[in-house]
C-alpha atoms as a PDB file:
ATOM      1  CA  UNK A   1     106.826  66.791  72.640  1.00  0.00           C
ATOM      2  CA  UNK A   2     104.876  68.432  69.799  1.00  0.00           C
ATOM      3  CA  UNK A   3     106.322  71.384  67.935  1.00  0.00           C
ATOM      4  CA  UNK A   4     103.295  73.607  67.088  1.00  0.00           C
ATOM      5  CA  UNK A   5     103.330  75.722  63.993  1.00  0.00           C
ATOM      6  CA  UNK A   6     102.693  78.843  66.140  1.00  0.00           C
ATOM      7  CA  UNK A   7     101.750  79.974  69.636  1.00  0.00           C
ATOM      8  CA  UNK A   8      98.070  79.740  68.887  1.00  0.00           C
ATOM      9  CA  UNK A   9      98.353  76.076  67.937  1.00  0.00           C
ATOM     10  CA  UNK A  10     100.543  75.394  70.925  1.00  0.00           C
ATOM     11  CA  UNK A  11      98.111  76.674  73.579  1.00  0.00           C
ATOM     12  CA  UNK A  12      95.226  75.055  71.645  1.00  0.00           C
ATOM     13  CA  UNK A  13      96.922  71.662  72.011  1.00  0.00           C
ATOM     14  CA  UNK A  14      97.609  72.309  75.673  1.00  0.00           C
ATOM     15  CA  UNK A  15      93.959  73.114  76.389  1.00  0.00           C
ATOM     16  CA  UNK A  16      92.750  70.134  74.341  1.00  0.00           C
ATOM     17  CA  UNK A  17      95.022  67.903  76.355  1.00  0.00           C
ATOM     18  CA  UNK A  18      93.750  69.430  79.625  1.00  0.00           C
ATOM     19  CA  UNK A  19      90.107  68.850  78.608  1.00  0.00           C
ATOM     20  CA  UNK A  20      90.989  65.176  78.032  1.00  0.00           C
ATOM     21  CA  UNK A  21      92.591  64.845  81.475  1.00  0.00           C
ATOM     22  CA  UNK A  22      96.213  64.921  80.275  1.00  0.00           C
ATOM     23  CA  UNK A  23      98.690  67.375  81.792  1.00  0.00           C
ATOM     24  CA  UNK A  24     100.388  69.637  79.289  1.00  0.00           C
ATOM     25  CA  UNK A  25     102.218  72.959  79.112  1.00  0.00           C
ATOM     26  CA  UNK A  26     103.747  75.380  76.642  1.00  0.00           C
ATOM     27  CA  UNK A  27     106.552  77.917  77.016  1.00  0.00           C
ATOM     28  CA  UNK A  28     106.654  81.407  75.471  1.00  0.00           C
ATOM     29  CA  UNK A  29     107.463  85.038  76.056  1.00  0.00           C
ATOM     30  CA  UNK A  30     105.414  88.268  75.947  1.00  0.00           C
ATOM     31  CA  UNK A  31     104.529  88.280  72.195  1.00  0.00           C
ATOM     32  CA  UNK A  32     103.378  84.706  72.501  1.00  0.00           C
ATOM     33  CA  UNK A  33     101.045  85.536  75.389  1.00  0.00           C
ATOM     34  CA  UNK A  34      99.409  88.128  73.174  1.00  0.00           C
ATOM     35  CA  UNK A  35      98.766  85.460  70.498  1.00  0.00           C
ATOM     36  CA  UNK A  36      97.420  82.977  73.091  1.00  0.00           C
ATOM     37  CA  UNK A  37      95.026  85.392  74.662  1.00  0.00           C
ATOM     38  CA  UNK A  38      91.780  84.057  73.165  1.00  0.00           C
ATOM     39  CA  UNK A  39      92.561  80.462  74.148  1.00  0.00           C
ATOM     40  CA  UNK A  40      93.630  81.566  77.595  1.00  0.00           C
ATOM     41  CA  UNK A  41      90.221  83.193  77.999  1.00  0.00           C
ATOM     42  CA  UNK A  42      88.567  79.882  76.950  1.00  0.00           C
ATOM     43  CA  UNK A  43      90.593  78.030  79.593  1.00  0.00           C
ATOM     44  CA  UNK A  44      89.430  80.544  82.214  1.00  0.00           C
ATOM     45  CA  UNK A  45      85.711  80.506  81.270  1.00  0.00           C
ATOM     46  CA  UNK A  46      85.333  76.847  80.240  1.00  0.00           C
ATOM     47  CA  UNK A  47      87.556  75.929  83.238  1.00  0.00           C
ATOM     48  CA  UNK A  48      90.147  73.736  81.582  1.00  0.00           C
ATOM     49  CA  UNK A  49      93.589  73.155  83.088  1.00  0.00           C
ATOM     50  CA  UNK A  50      96.668  74.581  81.344  1.00  0.00           C
ATOM     51  CA  UNK A  51     100.226  75.664  82.295  1.00  0.00           C
ATOM     52  CA  UNK A  52     102.230  78.382  80.564  1.00  0.00           C
ATOM     53  CA  UNK A  53     105.854  79.182  81.264  1.00  0.00           C
ATOM     54  CA  UNK A  54     106.515  82.838  80.376  1.00  0.00           C
ATOM     55  CA  UNK A  55     110.202  83.684  79.981  1.00  0.00           C
ATOM     56  CA  UNK A  56     109.776  87.450  80.127  1.00  0.00           C
ATOM     57  CA  UNK A  57     112.049  89.571  77.924  1.00  0.00           C
ATOM     58  CA  UNK A  58     112.294  93.205  76.862  1.00  0.00           C
ATOM     59  CA  UNK A  59     109.311  94.622  75.059  1.00  0.00           C
ATOM     60  CA  UNK A  60     107.102  96.111  73.643  1.00  0.00           C
ATOM     61  CA  UNK A  61     106.698  94.114  70.420  1.00  0.00           C
ATOM     62  CA  UNK A  62     109.975  92.361  69.642  1.00  0.00           C
ATOM     63  CA  UNK A  63     111.671  94.860  71.925  1.00  0.00           C
ATOM     64  CA  UNK A  64     114.913  93.467  73.168  1.00  0.00           C
ATOM     65  CA  UNK A  65     114.487  89.696  72.534  1.00  0.00           C
ATOM     66  CA  UNK A  66     117.904  88.808  74.158  1.00  0.00           C
ATOM     67  CA  UNK A  67     117.500  90.954  77.249  1.00  0.00           C
ATOM     68  CA  UNK A  68     115.627  90.366  80.521  1.00  0.00           C
ATOM     69  CA  UNK A  69     112.686  92.240  82.043  1.00  0.00           C
ATOM     70  CA  UNK A  70     109.736  91.548  84.362  1.00  0.00           C
ATOM     71  CA  UNK A  71     107.241  93.209  81.951  1.00  0.00           C
ATOM     72  CA  UNK A  72     104.445  90.622  81.390  1.00  0.00           C
ATOM     73  CA  UNK A  73     102.782  90.623  84.831  1.00  0.00           C
ATOM     74  CA  UNK A  74      99.669  92.628  83.790  1.00  0.00           C
ATOM     75  CA  UNK A  75      99.433  90.850  80.425  1.00  0.00           C
ATOM     76  CA  UNK A  76      99.446  87.446  82.120  1.00  0.00           C
ATOM     77  CA  UNK A  77      97.370  88.243  85.186  1.00  0.00           C
ATOM     78  CA  UNK A  78      94.453  89.704  83.182  1.00  0.00           C
ATOM     79  CA  UNK A  79      94.925  87.880  79.851  1.00  0.00           C
ATOM     80  CA  UNK A  80      91.663  87.320  78.021  1.00  0.00           C
ATOM     81  CA  UNK A  81      88.545  89.098  76.991  1.00  0.00           C
ATOM     82  CA  UNK A  82      86.226  90.576  79.549  1.00  0.00           C
ATOM     83  CA  UNK A  83      86.815  90.034  83.238  1.00  0.00           C
ATOM     84  CA  UNK A  84      89.561  87.451  83.709  1.00  0.00           C
ATOM     85  CA  UNK A  85      92.141  86.774  86.395  1.00  0.00           C
ATOM     86  CA  UNK A  86      94.878  84.078  86.366  1.00  0.00           C
ATOM     87  CA  UNK A  87      97.134  82.739  89.102  1.00  0.00           C
ATOM     88  CA  UNK A  88     100.833  83.572  88.683  1.00  0.00           C
ATOM     89  CA  UNK A  89     103.833  81.822  90.191  1.00  0.00           C
ATOM     90  CA  UNK A  90     106.927  83.933  90.654  1.00  0.00           C
ATOM     91  CA  UNK A  91     110.086  81.788  90.982  1.00  0.00           C
ATOM     92  CA  UNK A  92     113.389  83.376  92.147  1.00  0.00           C
ATOM     93  CA  UNK A  93     115.835  80.965  90.527  1.00  0.00           C
ATOM     94  CA  UNK A  94     116.052  77.609  88.583  1.00  0.00           C
ATOM     95  CA  UNK A  95     115.546  75.704  91.822  1.00  0.00           C
ATOM     96  CA  UNK A  96     112.203  77.353  92.465  1.00  0.00           C
ATOM     97  CA  UNK A  97     111.364  76.985  88.750  1.00  0.00           C
ATOM     98  CA  UNK A  98     111.648  73.201  89.267  1.00  0.00           C
ATOM     99  CA  UNK A  99     109.472  73.228  92.384  1.00  0.00           C
ATOM    100  CA  UNK A 100     106.890  75.620  91.022  1.00  0.00           C
ATOM    101  CA  UNK A 101     106.630  73.669  87.790  1.00  0.00           C
ATOM    102  CA  UNK A 102     105.352  70.662  89.725  1.00  0.00           C
ATOM    103  CA  UNK A 103     103.075  72.960  91.754  1.00  0.00           C
ATOM    104  CA  UNK A 104     101.736  74.606  88.619  1.00  0.00           C
ATOM    105  CA  UNK A 105     100.360  71.334  87.255  1.00  0.00           C
ATOM    106  CA  UNK A 106      98.687  70.497  90.602  1.00  0.00           C
ATOM    107  CA  UNK A 107      97.189  74.016  90.745  1.00  0.00           C
ATOM    108  CA  UNK A 108      95.941  73.963  87.137  1.00  0.00           C
ATOM    109  CA  UNK A 109      94.097  70.633  87.886  1.00  0.00           C
ATOM    110  CA  UNK A 110      92.867  71.786  91.251  1.00  0.00           C
ATOM    111  CA  UNK A 111      91.613  75.177  90.069  1.00  0.00           C
ATOM    112  CA  UNK A 112      90.790  74.027  86.497  1.00  0.00           C
ATOM    113  CA  UNK A 113      92.333  77.042  84.870  1.00  0.00           C
ATOM    114  CA  UNK A 114      95.528  78.454  83.301  1.00  0.00           C
ATOM    115  CA  UNK A 115      98.501  78.816  85.650  1.00  0.00           C
ATOM    116  CA  UNK A 116     101.393  81.060  84.626  1.00  0.00           C
ATOM    117  CA  UNK A 117     104.982  80.423  85.814  1.00  0.00           C
ATOM    118  CA  UNK A 118     106.573  83.859  85.410  1.00  0.00           C
ATOM    119  CA  UNK A 119     110.336  83.513  85.105  1.00  0.00           C
ATOM    120  CA  UNK A 120     112.462  85.806  82.926  1.00  0.00           C
ATOM    121  CA  UNK A 121     115.282  85.711  80.533  1.00  0.00           C
ATOM    122  CA  UNK A 122     117.876  86.118  83.260  1.00  0.00           C
ATOM    123  CA  UNK A 123     116.679  82.856  84.867  1.00  0.00           C
ATOM    124  CA  UNK A 124     115.776  81.153  81.591  1.00  0.00           C
ATOM    125  CA  UNK A 125     118.994  81.663  79.658  1.00  0.00           C
ATOM    126  CA  UNK A 126     121.795  82.566  82.053  1.00  0.00           C
ATOM    127  CA  UNK A 127     123.831  80.178  84.279  1.00  0.00           C
ATOM    128  CA  UNK A 128     122.821  80.064  87.947  1.00  0.00           C
ATOM    129  CA  UNK A 129     124.306  78.293  90.941  1.00  0.00           C
ATOM    130  CA  UNK A 130     121.487  76.451  92.801  1.00  0.00           C
ATOM    131  CA  UNK A 131     121.228  73.563  95.176  1.00  0.00           C
ATOM    132  CA  UNK A 132     120.629  70.206  93.516  1.00  0.00           C
ATOM    133  CA  UNK A 133     117.043  69.654  92.568  1.00  0.00           C
ATOM    134  CA  UNK A 134     115.235  67.353  94.939  1.00  0.00           C
ATOM    135  CA  UNK A 135     112.132  65.242  94.344  1.00  0.00           C
ATOM    136  CA  UNK A 136     109.980  63.711  97.042  1.00  0.00           C
ATOM    137  CA  UNK A 137     109.054  60.211  95.899  1.00  0.00           C
ATOM    138  CA  UNK A 138     106.087  60.186  98.307  1.00  0.00           C
ATOM    139  CA  UNK A 139     104.493  63.098  96.464  1.00  0.00           C
ATOM    140  CA  UNK A 140     101.237  62.338  94.669  1.00  0.00           C
ATOM    141  CA  UNK A 141      99.592  64.245  91.897  1.00  0.00           C
ATOM    142  CA  UNK A 142      96.660  66.494  92.920  1.00  0.00           C
ATOM    143  CA  UNK A 143      94.149  65.982  90.113  1.00  0.00           C
ATOM    144  CA  UNK A 144      91.547  68.061  91.888  1.00  0.00           C
ATOM    145  CA  UNK A 145      87.769  67.482  91.740  1.00  0.00           C
ATOM    146  CA  UNK A 146      87.405  64.743  89.128  1.00  0.00           C
ATOM    147  CA  UNK A 147      84.384  62.367  89.291  1.00  0.00           C
ATOM    148  CA  UNK A 148      85.120  58.776  88.381  1.00  0.00           C
ATOM    149  CA  UNK A 149      82.721  56.163  86.964  1.00  0.00           C
ATOM    150  CA  UNK A 150      82.027  54.973  90.541  1.00  0.00           C
ATOM    151  CA  UNK A 151      81.466  58.496  91.829  1.00  0.00           C
ATOM    152  CA  UNK A 152      78.872  59.103  89.110  1.00  0.00           C
ATOM    153  CA  UNK A 153      77.147  55.783  89.848  1.00  0.00           C
ATOM    154  CA  UNK A 154      76.902  56.714  93.579  1.00  0.00           C
ATOM    155  CA  UNK A 155      75.743  60.277  93.017  1.00  0.00           C
ATOM    156  CA  UNK A 156      72.221  61.018  94.191  1.00  0.00           C
ATOM    157  CA  UNK A 157      71.904  64.298  92.316  1.00  0.00           C
ATOM    158  CA  UNK A 158      72.191  65.201  88.664  1.00  0.00           C
ATOM    159  CA  UNK A 159      75.802  66.055  87.690  1.00  0.00           C
ATOM    160  CA  UNK A 160      76.264  69.791  87.085  1.00  0.00           C
ATOM    161  CA  UNK A 161      79.640  70.649  85.491  1.00  0.00           C
ATOM    162  CA  UNK A 162      79.607  74.246  86.881  1.00  0.00           C
ATOM    163  CA  UNK A 163      77.830  73.770  90.158  1.00  0.00           C
ATOM    164  CA  UNK A 164      79.553  75.133  93.302  1.00  0.00           C
ATOM    165  CA  UNK A 165      78.889  72.149  95.532  1.00  0.00           C
ATOM    166  CA  UNK A 166      81.533  72.893  98.159  1.00  0.00           C
ATOM    167  CA  UNK A 167      81.332  76.711  98.297  1.00  0.00           C
ATOM    168  CA  UNK A 168      84.896  77.262  97.190  1.00  0.00           C
ATOM    169  CA  UNK A 169      84.043  78.240  93.662  1.00  0.00           C
ATOM    170  CA  UNK A 170      85.648  75.039  92.201  1.00  0.00           C
ATOM    171  CA  UNK A 171      83.134  72.709  90.429  1.00  0.00           C
ATOM    172  CA  UNK A 172      83.494  69.000  89.748  1.00  0.00           C
ATOM    173  CA  UNK A 173      84.485  67.749  86.335  1.00  0.00           C
ATOM    174  CA  UNK A 174      84.654  64.482  84.448  1.00  0.00           C
ATOM    175  CA  UNK A 175      87.001  63.107  81.826  1.00  0.00           C
ATOM    176  CA  UNK A 176      85.510  62.331  78.398  1.00  0.00           C
ATOM    177  CA  UNK A 177      84.007  58.839  78.157  1.00  0.00           C
ATOM    178  CA  UNK A 178      84.234  58.063  81.856  1.00  0.00           C
ATOM    179  CA  UNK A 179      80.634  56.819  81.984  1.00  0.00           C
ATOM    180  CA  UNK A 180      78.289  55.738  79.149  1.00  0.00           C
ATOM    181  CA  UNK A 181      75.249  57.750  80.333  1.00  0.00           C
ATOM    182  CA  UNK A 182      76.343  60.106  83.188  1.00  0.00           C
ATOM    183  CA  UNK A 183      78.723  62.942  83.605  1.00  0.00           C
ATOM    184  CA  UNK A 184      78.588  64.214  80.045  1.00  0.00           C
ATOM    185  CA  UNK A 185      78.403  67.968  79.310  1.00  0.00           C
ATOM    186  CA  UNK A 186      78.938  70.430  76.450  1.00  0.00           C
ATOM    187  CA  UNK A 187      82.215  72.417  76.802  1.00  0.00           C
ATOM    188  CA  UNK A 188      81.620  75.942  75.591  1.00  0.00           C
ATOM    189  CA  UNK A 189      83.157  79.329  75.759  1.00  0.00           C
ATOM    190  CA  UNK A 190      79.746  80.979  75.913  1.00  0.00           C
ATOM    191  CA  UNK A 191      77.589  81.729  78.973  1.00  0.00           C
ATOM    192  CA  UNK A 192      75.853  78.719  80.439  1.00  0.00           C
ATOM    193  CA  UNK A 193      74.024  77.633  83.557  1.00  0.00           C
ATOM    194  CA  UNK A 194      75.485  75.260  86.247  1.00  0.00           C
ATOM    195  CA  UNK A 195      74.583  72.281  84.090  1.00  0.00           C
ATOM    196  CA  UNK A 196      76.611  73.584  81.104  1.00  0.00           C
ATOM    197  CA  UNK A 197      73.442  74.531  79.156  1.00  0.00           C
ATOM    198  CA  UNK A 198      73.599  77.688  77.094  1.00  0.00           C
ATOM    199  CA  UNK A 199      72.050  80.739  78.689  1.00  0.00           C
ATOM    200  CA  UNK A 200      72.294  84.480  78.260  1.00  0.00           C
ATOM    201  CA  UNK A 201      70.042  85.183  81.200  1.00  0.00           C
ATOM    202  CA  UNK A 202      71.696  87.966  83.230  1.00  0.00           C
ATOM    203  CA  UNK A 203      71.343  86.366  86.633  1.00  0.00           C
ATOM    204  CA  UNK A 204      72.805  83.100  85.368  1.00  0.00           C
ATOM    205  CA  UNK A 205      75.818  84.913  83.898  1.00  0.00           C
ATOM    206  CA  UNK A 206      76.387  86.957  87.077  1.00  0.00           C
ATOM    207  CA  UNK A 207      76.194  83.871  89.271  1.00  0.00           C
ATOM    208  CA  UNK A 208      78.815  82.146  87.161  1.00  0.00           C
ATOM    209  CA  UNK A 209      81.124  85.176  87.169  1.00  0.00           C
ATOM    210  CA  UNK A 210      80.809  85.513  90.975  1.00  0.00           C
ATOM    211  CA  UNK A 211      81.606  81.805  91.386  1.00  0.00           C
ATOM    212  CA  UNK A 212      84.812  82.370  89.343  1.00  0.00           C
ATOM    213  CA  UNK A 213      85.708  85.071  91.749  1.00  0.00           C
ATOM    214  CA  UNK A 214      85.235  82.739  94.697  1.00  0.00           C
ATOM    215  CA  UNK A 215      87.551  80.300  92.995  1.00  0.00           C
ATOM    216  CA  UNK A 216      90.139  82.962  92.584  1.00  0.00           C
ATOM    217  CA  UNK A 217      89.799  83.773  96.264  1.00  0.00           C
ATOM    218  CA  UNK A 218      90.361  80.077  97.048  1.00  0.00           C
ATOM    219  CA  UNK A 219      93.555  80.261  95.004  1.00  0.00           C
ATOM    220  CA  UNK A 220      94.994  82.633  97.604  1.00  0.00           C
ATOM    221  CA  UNK A 221      95.592  79.755  99.999  1.00  0.00           C
ATOM    222  CA  UNK A 222      97.078  77.516  97.257  1.00  0.00           C
ATOM    223  CA  UNK A 223      99.728  79.664  95.564  1.00  0.00           C
ATOM    224  CA  UNK A 224     103.132  79.978  97.381  1.00  0.00           C
ATOM    225  CA  UNK A 225     103.075  82.256 100.377  1.00  0.00           C
ATOM    226  CA  UNK A 226     105.379  85.310 100.464  1.00  0.00           C
ATOM    227  CA  UNK A 227     108.760  85.092 102.222  1.00  0.00           C
ATOM    228  CA  UNK A 228     109.372  87.794 104.900  1.00  0.00           C
ATOM    229  CA  UNK A 229     112.809  88.717 106.119  1.00  0.00           C
ATOM    230  CA  UNK A 230     112.898  91.025 109.167  1.00  0.00           C
ATOM    231  CA  UNK A 231     115.688  93.561 109.646  1.00  0.00           C
ATOM    232  CA  UNK A 232     118.089  93.279 112.639  1.00  0.00           C
ATOM    233  CA  UNK A 233     116.174  95.934 114.504  1.00  0.00           C
ATOM    234  CA  UNK A 234     112.812  97.690 114.422  1.00  0.00           C
ATOM    235  CA  UNK A 235     112.059  99.705 111.304  1.00  0.00           C
ATOM    236  CA  UNK A 236     109.107 101.446 109.659  1.00  0.00           C
ATOM    237  CA  UNK A 237     110.603 100.900 106.211  1.00  0.00           C
ATOM    238  CA  UNK A 238     110.023  97.880 104.077  1.00  0.00           C
ATOM    239  CA  UNK A 239     110.877  96.588 100.603  1.00  0.00           C
ATOM    240  CA  UNK A 240     108.913  94.316  98.311  1.00  0.00           C
ATOM    241  CA  UNK A 241     110.395  92.409  95.422  1.00  0.00           C
ATOM    242  CA  UNK A 242     110.059  89.224  93.374  1.00  0.00           C
ATOM    243  CA  UNK A 243     111.636  86.830  90.868  1.00  0.00           C
ATOM    244  CA  UNK A 244     115.233  87.106  89.729  1.00  0.00           C
ATOM    245  CA  UNK A 245     115.618  90.305  91.742  1.00  0.00           C
ATOM    246  CA  UNK A 246     115.985  88.069  94.844  1.00  0.00           C
ATOM    247  CA  UNK A 247     119.697  87.284  94.703  1.00  0.00           C
ATOM    248  CA  UNK A 248     120.652  90.961  94.268  1.00  0.00           C
ATOM    249  CA  UNK A 249     118.201  91.969  96.952  1.00  0.00           C
ATOM    250  CA  UNK A 250     119.777  89.665  99.518  1.00  0.00           C
ATOM    251  CA  UNK A 251     123.134  91.342  98.932  1.00  0.00           C
ATOM    252  CA  UNK A 252     121.618  94.868  98.824  1.00  0.00           C
ATOM    253  CA  UNK A 253     119.947  94.341 102.244  1.00  0.00           C
ATOM    254  CA  UNK A 254     123.297  93.421 103.741  1.00  0.00           C
ATOM    255  CA  UNK A 255     124.895  96.552 102.184  1.00  0.00           C
ATOM    256  CA  UNK A 256     122.102  98.723 103.553  1.00  0.00           C
ATOM    257  CA  UNK A 257     122.388  97.176 107.049  1.00  0.00           C
ATOM    258  CA  UNK A 258     126.103  98.025 106.999  1.00  0.00           C
ATOM    259  CA  UNK A 259     125.166 101.702 106.367  1.00  0.00           C
ATOM    260  CA  UNK A 260     122.737 101.637 109.328  1.00  0.00           C
ATOM    261  CA  UNK A 261     119.644 101.551 107.016  1.00  0.00           C
ATOM    262  CA  UNK A 262     117.269  98.807 108.182  1.00  0.00           C
ATOM    263  CA  UNK A 263     114.435  97.504 106.005  1.00  0.00           C
ATOM    264  CA  UNK A 264     112.053  94.571 106.506  1.00  0.00           C
ATOM    265  CA  UNK A 265     111.803  92.631 103.230  1.00  0.00           C
ATOM    266  CA  UNK A 266     109.011  90.699 101.600  1.00  0.00           C
ATOM    267  CA  UNK A 267     109.404  88.504  98.511  1.00  0.00           C
ATOM    268  CA  UNK A 268     106.142  87.950  96.541  1.00  0.00           C
ATOM    269  CA  UNK A 269     105.900  84.387  95.194  1.00  0.00           C
ATOM    270  CA  UNK A 270     102.381  84.123  93.933  1.00  0.00           C
ATOM    271  CA  UNK A 271      99.276  85.902  92.687  1.00  0.00           C
ATOM    272  CA  UNK A 272      96.456  86.206  93.853  1.00  0.00           C
ATOM    273  CA  UNK A 273      98.161  88.086  96.714  1.00  0.00           C
ATOM    274  CA  UNK A 274      98.106  86.613 100.186  1.00  0.00           C
ATOM    275  CA  UNK A 275      96.748  88.723 103.000  1.00  0.00           C
ATOM    276  CA  UNK A 276     100.228  88.833 104.532  1.00  0.00           C
ATOM    277  CA  UNK A 277     101.343  91.131 101.750  1.00  0.00           C
ATOM    278  CA  UNK A 278      98.731  93.759 102.632  1.00  0.00           C
ATOM    279  CA  UNK A 279      99.451  93.383 106.299  1.00  0.00           C
ATOM    280  CA  UNK A 280     103.132  93.958 105.583  1.00  0.00           C
ATOM    281  CA  UNK A 281     102.328  97.150 103.700  1.00  0.00           C
ATOM    282  CA  UNK A 282     100.011  98.359 106.527  1.00  0.00           C
ATOM    283  CA  UNK A 283     102.719  97.728 109.108  1.00  0.00           C
ATOM    284  CA  UNK A 284     105.268 100.130 107.516  1.00  0.00           C
ATOM    285  CA  UNK A 285     105.235 103.792 106.863  1.00  0.00           C
ATOM    286  CA  UNK A 286     107.140 103.543 103.624  1.00  0.00           C
ATOM    287  CA  UNK A 287     107.479 100.634 101.112  1.00  0.00           C
ATOM    288  CA  UNK A 288     110.079 100.440  98.381  1.00  0.00           C
ATOM    289  CA  UNK A 289     108.880  98.262  95.535  1.00  0.00           C
ATOM    290  CA  UNK A 290     111.671  96.964  93.235  1.00  0.00           C
ATOM    291  CA  UNK A 291     110.739  95.875  89.677  1.00  0.00           C
ATOM    292  CA  UNK A 292     112.413  95.247  86.379  1.00  0.00           C
ATOM    293  CA  UNK A 293     109.979  97.105  84.135  1.00  0.00           C
ATOM    294  CA  UNK A 294     109.132 100.696  83.281  1.00  0.00           C
ATOM    295  CA  UNK A 295     105.520 100.926  84.347  1.00  0.00           C
ATOM    296  CA  UNK A 296     105.654  99.485  87.893  1.00  0.00           C
ATOM    297  CA  UNK A 297     103.367  96.592  87.000  1.00  0.00           C
ATOM    298  CA  UNK A 298     103.552  94.858  90.404  1.00  0.00           C
ATOM    299  CA  UNK A 299     102.630  98.176  92.058  1.00  0.00           C
ATOM    300  CA  UNK A 300      99.627  98.376  89.710  1.00  0.00           C
ATOM    301  CA  UNK A 301      98.548  94.860  90.662  1.00  0.00           C
ATOM    302  CA  UNK A 302      98.908  95.493  94.412  1.00  0.00           C
ATOM    303  CA  UNK A 303      97.024  98.771  94.321  1.00  0.00           C
ATOM    304  CA  UNK A 304      94.324  97.386  92.104  1.00  0.00           C
ATOM    305  CA  UNK A 305      93.805  94.179  93.964  1.00  0.00           C
ATOM    306  CA  UNK A 306      94.314  95.450  97.521  1.00  0.00           C
ATOM    307  CA  UNK A 307      93.134  99.027  97.405  1.00  0.00           C
ATOM    308  CA  UNK A 308      96.498 100.193  98.659  1.00  0.00           C
ATOM    309  CA  UNK A 309      97.356 103.928  98.570  1.00  0.00           C
ATOM    310  CA  UNK A 310      99.757 104.203  95.593  1.00  0.00           C
ATOM    311  CA  UNK A 311     101.566 107.064  97.276  1.00  0.00           C
ATOM    312  CA  UNK A 312     102.823 104.626 100.046  1.00  0.00           C
ATOM    313  CA  UNK A 313     104.627 102.493  97.428  1.00  0.00           C
ATOM    314  CA  UNK A 314     107.912 103.967  96.168  1.00  0.00           C
ATOM    315  CA  UNK A 315     108.920 102.352  92.959  1.00  0.00           C
ATOM    316  CA  UNK A 316     112.519 101.514  92.115  1.00  0.00           C
ATOM    317  CA  UNK A 317     112.531 100.544  88.423  1.00  0.00           C
ATOM    318  CA  UNK A 318     115.264  98.904  86.491  1.00  0.00           C
ATOM    319  CA  UNK A 319     114.578  98.016  82.843  1.00  0.00           C
ATOM    320  CA  UNK A 320     117.696  98.468  80.636  1.00  0.00           C
ATOM    321  CA  UNK A 321     117.636  94.733  79.864  1.00  0.00           C
ATOM    322  CA  UNK A 322     120.617  93.786  82.039  1.00  0.00           C
ATOM    323  CA  UNK A 323     120.062  91.799  85.274  1.00  0.00           C
ATOM    324  CA  UNK A 324     119.421  94.042  88.254  1.00  0.00           C
ATOM    325  CA  UNK A 325     122.416  94.476  90.688  1.00  0.00           C
ATOM    326  CA  UNK A 326     122.703  94.841  94.407  1.00  0.00           C
ATOM    327  CA  UNK A 327     124.641  98.021  93.878  1.00  0.00           C
ATOM    328  CA  UNK A 328     121.745  99.574  91.967  1.00  0.00           C
ATOM    329  CA  UNK A 329     119.189  98.540  94.643  1.00  0.00           C
ATOM    330  CA  UNK A 330     121.267  99.706  97.631  1.00  0.00           C
ATOM    331  CA  UNK A 331     122.159 103.000  95.919  1.00  0.00           C
ATOM    332  CA  UNK A 332     118.594 103.831  94.957  1.00  0.00           C
ATOM    333  CA  UNK A 333     117.102 102.956  98.294  1.00  0.00           C
ATOM    334  CA  UNK A 334     119.867 104.920 100.172  1.00  0.00           C
ATOM    335  CA  UNK A 335     119.279 107.908  97.875  1.00  0.00           C
ATOM    336  CA  UNK A 336     115.504 107.879  98.487  1.00  0.00           C
ATOM    337  CA  UNK A 337     115.913 107.495 102.266  1.00  0.00           C
ATOM    338  CA  UNK A 338     118.387 110.322 102.406  1.00  0.00           C
ATOM    339  CA  UNK A 339     116.096 112.590 100.379  1.00  0.00           C
ATOM    340  CA  UNK A 340     113.162 111.925 102.736  1.00  0.00           C
ATOM    341  CA  UNK A 341     115.341 112.473 105.785  1.00  0.00           C
ATOM    342  CA  UNK A 342     116.653 115.779 104.399  1.00  0.00           C
ATOM    343  CA  UNK A 343     113.020 116.940 103.653  1.00  0.00           C
ATOM    344  CA  UNK A 344     111.977 116.037 107.137  1.00  0.00           C
ATOM    345  CA  UNK A 345     114.857 117.977 108.659  1.00  0.00           C
ATOM    346  CA  UNK A 346     114.068 121.041 106.615  1.00  0.00           C
ATOM    347  CA  UNK A 347     110.434 120.846 107.671  1.00  0.00           C
ATOM    348  CA  UNK A 348     111.388 120.592 111.318  1.00  0.00           C
ATOM    349  CA  UNK A 349     113.705 123.639 110.952  1.00  0.00           C
ATOM    350  CA  UNK A 350     111.022 125.689 109.288  1.00  0.00           C
ATOM    351  CA  UNK A 351     108.662 124.971 112.230  1.00  0.00           C
END
């Protein structure tokens, strides 16, 4: 454990460790993400593994430092200069934090980029009841595409650090000093060709940026899939939620079922978004989207990444800093459903 003098030093040490083949992470909150932005962009463009645990709290600025929110989604997903996108893991409780922590390190090595684990202050500082953590002793670390000394010796082509050999956008890398004459390259945050040689040629830059998009597309199949819970009967209404909202949502769905209000539910667990999320939205006439922030940040991500009609997503926003409750969720959804039903009845009467 190293105590950095500030957030910039902390993420710099993490990226330095990742470049050397050592797994490392740092933990922070929203203001820390802001300070780390330049190094996060380096991780994305130079393709160096890193893991960041973001314990989200009330903002902006220092905001409410002892209160909870889900208000860093956009800051984390697009952190960096220029066009950047980063995978996010969205745990629901300390148990999933434990599981997703292990996954985050595998993903950072596999994808050679920064992985964010997006918990919040409710999970990070309050007491939760969870099942005992379990570890599978048969599990092996996934170090991704790393070429060894023997791999380099057997290679028939020149090593290219940023070549897309397999078509999934993920290049092969080497650890420093693995071979005396092969596998070396210059790590840079500037534009370069597939062999890591500096280039500002437009076509070279575009090819590299398109490859990074292919890598992000590959990440869809690697981040945790959404969890879908179907109502007791057919319904055209659905609800989407994530993170620490989950416990309250389970109770709220039961309360709404008791009122005769059925909703299919989908819990988002990762970004980039799986195709199942957009299929779920398409299969329903109305989607309630529950978030703990003011600006509906998950809604923005979904509409931006999936081309979804924003009018189909009805935001239920809770951001006073206290953990969201089942009573709030059930009350707001019931109120919205009653309003829509009343409007429909008035329309039919007018006709």
